[in-house]
């Protein structure tokens, strides 16, 4: 499964769409995986800033 970012909405928040038909459980897992990766990256940046 993959996703892509689409044009920003009027409130300038980007949206994304899944490029393959999948069930909701798989979509939620993909979103959870992305969120965990983002949180790890944020933690890495915070550690670099504090060093």
PDB file of N, CA and C in Angstrom:
ATOM      1  N   UNK A   1       0.852  -1.173   0.000  1.00  0.00           N
ATOM      2  CA  UNK A   1       0.000   0.000   0.000  1.00  0.00           C
ATOM      3  C   UNK A   1       0.893   1.228   0.000  1.00  0.00           C
ATOM      4  N   UNK A   2       0.483   2.244  -0.720  1.00  0.00           N
ATOM      5  CA  UNK A   2       1.225   3.497  -0.722  1.00  0.00           C
ATOM      6  C   UNK A   2       0.243   4.648  -0.627  1.00  0.00           C
ATOM      7  N   UNK A   3       0.771   5.815  -0.385  1.00  0.00           N
ATOM      8  CA  UNK A   3      -0.066   6.999  -0.295  1.00  0.00           C
ATOM      9  C   UNK A   3       0.660   8.143  -0.963  1.00  0.00           C
ATOM     10  N   UNK A   4      -0.103   9.200  -1.249  1.00  0.00           N
ATOM     11  CA  UNK A   4       0.516  10.383  -1.831  1.00  0.00           C
ATOM     12  C   UNK A   4      -0.156  11.618  -1.270  1.00  0.00           C
ATOM     13  N   UNK A   5       0.617  12.679  -1.174  1.00  0.00           N
ATOM     14  CA  UNK A   5       0.060  13.946  -0.734  1.00  0.00           C
ATOM     15  C   UNK A   5      -0.610  14.629  -1.910  1.00  0.00           C
ATOM     16  N   UNK A   6      -1.729  15.268  -1.650  1.00  0.00           N
ATOM     17  CA  UNK A   6      -2.479  15.954  -2.686  1.00  0.00           C
ATOM     18  C   UNK A   6      -2.399  17.454  -2.453  1.00  0.00           C
ATOM     19  N   UNK A   7      -3.035  18.215  -3.295  1.00  0.00           N
ATOM     20  CA  UNK A   7      -3.012  19.672  -3.169  1.00  0.00           C
ATOM     21  C   UNK A   7      -3.544  20.097  -1.808  1.00  0.00           C
ATOM     22  N   UNK A   8      -2.963  21.156  -1.241  1.00  0.00           N
ATOM     23  CA  UNK A   8      -3.447  21.625   0.061  1.00  0.00           C
ATOM     24  C   UNK A   8      -4.907  22.062   0.002  1.00  0.00           C
ATOM     25  N   UNK A   9      -5.548  21.922   1.103  1.00  0.00           N
ATOM     26  CA  UNK A   9      -6.930  22.388   1.242  1.00  0.00           C
ATOM     27  C   UNK A   9      -6.902  23.917   1.415  1.00  0.00           C
ATOM     28  N   UNK A  10      -8.062  24.567   1.378  1.00  0.00           N
ATOM     29  CA  UNK A  10      -8.081  26.028   1.559  1.00  0.00           C
ATOM     30  C   UNK A  10      -7.414  26.499   2.853  1.00  0.00           C
ATOM     31  N   UNK A  11      -7.415  25.663   3.892  1.00  0.00           N
ATOM     32  CA  UNK A  11      -6.784  26.057   5.151  1.00  0.00           C
ATOM     33  C   UNK A  11      -5.289  25.703   5.165  1.00  0.00           C
ATOM     34  N   UNK A  12      -4.729  25.395   3.980  1.00  0.00           N
ATOM     35  CA  UNK A  12      -3.308  25.102   3.779  1.00  0.00           C
ATOM     36  C   UNK A  12      -2.831  23.814   4.430  1.00  0.00           C
ATOM     37  N   UNK A  13      -3.752  22.973   4.866  1.00  0.00           N
ATOM     38  CA  UNK A  13      -3.347  21.680   5.411  1.00  0.00           C
ATOM     39  C   UNK A  13      -3.303  20.671   4.279  1.00  0.00           C
ATOM     40  N   UNK A  14      -2.154  19.993   4.099  1.00  0.00           N
ATOM     41  CA  UNK A  14      -2.090  19.000   3.023  1.00  0.00           C
ATOM     42  C   UNK A  14      -2.960  17.794   3.354  1.00  0.00           C
ATOM     43  N   UNK A  15      -3.441  17.171   2.344  1.00  0.00           N
ATOM     44  CA  UNK A  15      -4.200  15.943   2.550  1.00  0.00           C
ATOM     45  C   UNK A  15      -3.470  14.834   1.817  1.00  0.00           C
ATOM     46  N   UNK A  16      -3.838  13.611   2.074  1.00  0.00           N
ATOM     47  CA  UNK A  16      -3.213  12.511   1.366  1.00  0.00           C
ATOM     48  C   UNK A  16      -4.262  11.487   1.005  1.00  0.00           C
ATOM     49  N   UNK A  17      -3.946  10.685   0.032  1.00  0.00           N
ATOM     50  CA  UNK A  17      -4.869   9.640  -0.377  1.00  0.00           C
ATOM     51  C   UNK A  17      -4.098   8.353  -0.599  1.00  0.00           C
ATOM     52  N   UNK A  18      -4.754   7.238  -0.375  1.00  0.00           N
ATOM     53  CA  UNK A  18      -4.150   5.952  -0.610  1.00  0.00           C
ATOM     54  C   UNK A  18      -4.314   5.614  -2.088  1.00  0.00           C
ATOM     55  N   UNK A  19      -3.261   5.082  -2.688  1.00  0.00           N
ATOM     56  CA  UNK A  19      -3.276   4.835  -4.122  1.00  0.00           C
ATOM     57  C   UNK A  19      -3.794   3.453  -4.482  1.00  0.00           C
ATOM     58  N   UNK A  20      -3.962   2.585  -3.505  1.00  0.00           N
ATOM     59  CA  UNK A  20      -4.492   1.253  -3.765  1.00  0.00           C
ATOM     60  C   UNK A  20      -5.712   1.040  -2.890  1.00  0.00           C
ATOM     61  N   UNK A  21      -6.684   0.345  -3.409  1.00  0.00           N
ATOM     62  CA  UNK A  21      -7.847   0.049  -2.554  1.00  0.00           C
ATOM     63  C   UNK A  21      -7.437  -0.919  -1.443  1.00  0.00           C
ATOM     64  N   UNK A  22      -7.665  -0.521  -0.221  1.00  0.00           N
ATOM     65  CA  UNK A  22      -7.335  -1.360   0.926  1.00  0.00           C
ATOM     66  C   UNK A  22      -8.451  -1.250   1.944  1.00  0.00           C
ATOM     67  N   UNK A  23      -8.424  -2.129   2.903  1.00  0.00           N
ATOM     68  CA  UNK A  23      -9.456  -2.035   3.932  1.00  0.00           C
ATOM     69  C   UNK A  23      -9.056  -1.020   4.997  1.00  0.00           C
ATOM     70  N   UNK A  24      -9.991  -0.658   5.815  1.00  0.00           N
ATOM     71  CA  UNK A  24      -9.785   0.388   6.819  1.00  0.00           C
ATOM     72  C   UNK A  24      -8.694  -0.007   7.803  1.00  0.00           C
ATOM     73  N   UNK A  25      -8.651  -1.282   8.186  1.00  0.00           N
ATOM     74  CA  UNK A  25      -7.640  -1.726   9.146  1.00  0.00           C
ATOM     75  C   UNK A  25      -6.240  -1.492   8.594  1.00  0.00           C
ATOM     76  N   UNK A  26      -6.016  -1.792   7.325  1.00  0.00           N
ATOM     77  CA  UNK A  26      -4.706  -1.571   6.718  1.00  0.00           C
ATOM     78  C   UNK A  26      -4.384  -0.082   6.631  1.00  0.00           C
ATOM     79  N   UNK A  27      -5.370   0.738   6.323  1.00  0.00           N
ATOM     80  CA  UNK A  27      -5.148   2.184   6.263  1.00  0.00           C
ATOM     81  C   UNK A  27      -4.775   2.724   7.639  1.00  0.00           C
ATOM     82  N   UNK A  28      -5.484   2.275   8.664  1.00  0.00           N
ATOM     83  CA  UNK A  28      -5.181   2.734  10.019  1.00  0.00           C
ATOM     84  C   UNK A  28      -3.794   2.290  10.448  1.00  0.00           C
ATOM     85  N   UNK A  29      -3.386   1.082  10.074  1.00  0.00           N
ATOM     86  CA  UNK A  29      -2.050   0.611  10.418  1.00  0.00           C
ATOM     87  C   UNK A  29      -0.987   1.450   9.715  1.00  0.00           C
ATOM     88  N   UNK A  30      -1.235   1.793   8.448  1.00  0.00           N
ATOM     89  CA  UNK A  30      -0.286   2.620   7.702  1.00  0.00           C
ATOM     90  C   UNK A  30      -0.156   3.999   8.349  1.00  0.00           C
ATOM     91  N   UNK A  31      -1.270   4.575   8.771  1.00  0.00           N
ATOM     92  CA  UNK A  31      -1.247   5.882   9.437  1.00  0.00           C
ATOM     93  C   UNK A  31      -0.508   5.780  10.766  1.00  0.00           C
ATOM     94  N   UNK A  32      -0.749   4.714  11.519  1.00  0.00           N
ATOM     95  CA  UNK A  32      -0.057   4.524  12.796  1.00  0.00           C
ATOM     96  C   UNK A  32       1.445   4.380  12.571  1.00  0.00           C
ATOM     97  N   UNK A  33       1.824   3.633  11.545  1.00  0.00           N
ATOM     98  CA  UNK A  33       3.248   3.475  11.236  1.00  0.00           C
ATOM     99  C   UNK A  33       3.884   4.809  10.877  1.00  0.00           C
ATOM    100  N   UNK A  34       3.186   5.616  10.077  1.00  0.00           N
ATOM    101  CA  UNK A  34       3.707   6.938   9.713  1.00  0.00           C
ATOM    102  C   UNK A  34       3.844   7.816  10.948  1.00  0.00           C
ATOM    103  N   UNK A  35       2.853   7.771  11.834  1.00  0.00           N
ATOM    104  CA  UNK A  35       2.891   8.589  13.047  1.00  0.00           C
ATOM    105  C   UNK A  35       4.070   8.183  13.928  1.00  0.00           C
ATOM    106  N   UNK A  36       4.329   6.893  14.064  1.00  0.00           N
ATOM    107  CA  UNK A  36       5.459   6.435  14.872  1.00  0.00           C
ATOM    108  C   UNK A  36       6.772   6.908  14.265  1.00  0.00           C
ATOM    109  N   UNK A  37       6.878   6.846  12.941  1.00  0.00           N
ATOM    110  CA  UNK A  37       8.102   7.306  12.285  1.00  0.00           C
ATOM    111  C   UNK A  37       8.303   8.805  12.514  1.00  0.00           C
ATOM    112  N   UNK A  38       7.230   9.574  12.402  1.00  0.00           N
ATOM    113  CA  UNK A  38       7.317  11.020  12.632  1.00  0.00           C
ATOM    114  C   UNK A  38       7.759  11.296  14.063  1.00  0.00           C
ATOM    115  N   UNK A  39       7.190  10.583  15.028  1.00  0.00           N
ATOM    116  CA  UNK A  39       7.568  10.795  16.424  1.00  0.00           C
ATOM    117  C   UNK A  39       9.028  10.441  16.671  1.00  0.00           C
ATOM    118  N   UNK A  40       9.527   9.385  16.031  1.00  0.00           N
ATOM    119  CA  UNK A  40      10.944   9.039  16.172  1.00  0.00           C
ATOM    120  C   UNK A  40      11.824  10.133  15.578  1.00  0.00           C
ATOM    121  N   UNK A  41      11.440  10.658  14.427  1.00  0.00           N
ATOM    122  CA  UNK A  41      12.212  11.727  13.803  1.00  0.00           C
ATOM    123  C   UNK A  41      12.213  12.987  14.663  1.00  0.00           C
ATOM    124  N   UNK A  42      11.067  13.316  15.242  1.00  0.00           N
ATOM    125  CA  UNK A  42      10.985  14.483  16.128  1.00  0.00           C
ATOM    126  C   UNK A  42      11.892  14.278  17.333  1.00  0.00           C
ATOM    127  N   UNK A  43      11.895  13.080  17.901  1.00  0.00           N
ATOM    128  CA  UNK A  43      12.763  12.795  19.046  1.00  0.00           C
ATOM    129  C   UNK A  43      14.236  12.944  18.658  1.00  0.00           C
ATOM    130  N   UNK A  44      14.585  12.476  17.463  1.00  0.00           N
ATOM    131  CA  UNK A  44      15.968  12.616  16.992  1.00  0.00           C
ATOM    132  C   UNK A  44      16.362  14.086  16.854  1.00  0.00           C
ATOM    133  N   UNK A  45      15.464  14.888  16.295  1.00  0.00           N
ATOM    134  CA  UNK A  45      15.753  16.318  16.116  1.00  0.00           C
ATOM    135  C   UNK A  45      15.886  16.994  17.475  1.00  0.00           C
ATOM    136  N   UNK A  46      15.000  16.670  18.402  1.00  0.00           N
ATOM    137  CA  UNK A  46      15.092  17.271  19.744  1.00  0.00           C
ATOM    138  C   UNK A  46      16.398  16.917  20.418  1.00  0.00           C
ATOM    139  N   UNK A  47      16.856  15.672  20.249  1.00  0.00           N
ATOM    140  CA  UNK A  47      18.124  15.261  20.844  1.00  0.00           C
ATOM    141  C   UNK A  47      19.280  16.017  20.206  1.00  0.00           C
ATOM    142  N   UNK A  48      19.254  16.204  18.892  1.00  0.00           N
ATOM    143  CA  UNK A  48      20.307  16.943  18.215  1.00  0.00           C
ATOM    144  C   UNK A  48      20.340  18.393  18.670  1.00  0.00           C
ATOM    145  N   UNK A  49      19.178  18.982  18.885  1.00  0.00           N
ATOM    146  CA  UNK A  49      19.110  20.370  19.321  1.00  0.00           C
ATOM    147  C   UNK A  49      19.665  20.510  20.736  1.00  0.00           C
ATOM    148  N   UNK A  50      19.369  19.536  21.596  1.00  0.00           N
ATOM    149  CA  UNK A  50      19.794  19.645  22.994  1.00  0.00           C
ATOM    150  C   UNK A  50      21.277  19.296  23.180  1.00  0.00           C
ATOM    151  N   UNK A  51      21.888  18.653  22.206  1.00  0.00           N
ATOM    152  CA  UNK A  51      23.316  18.296  22.323  1.00  0.00           C
ATOM    153  C   UNK A  51      24.222  19.483  22.121  1.00  0.00           C
TER     154      UNK A  51
END
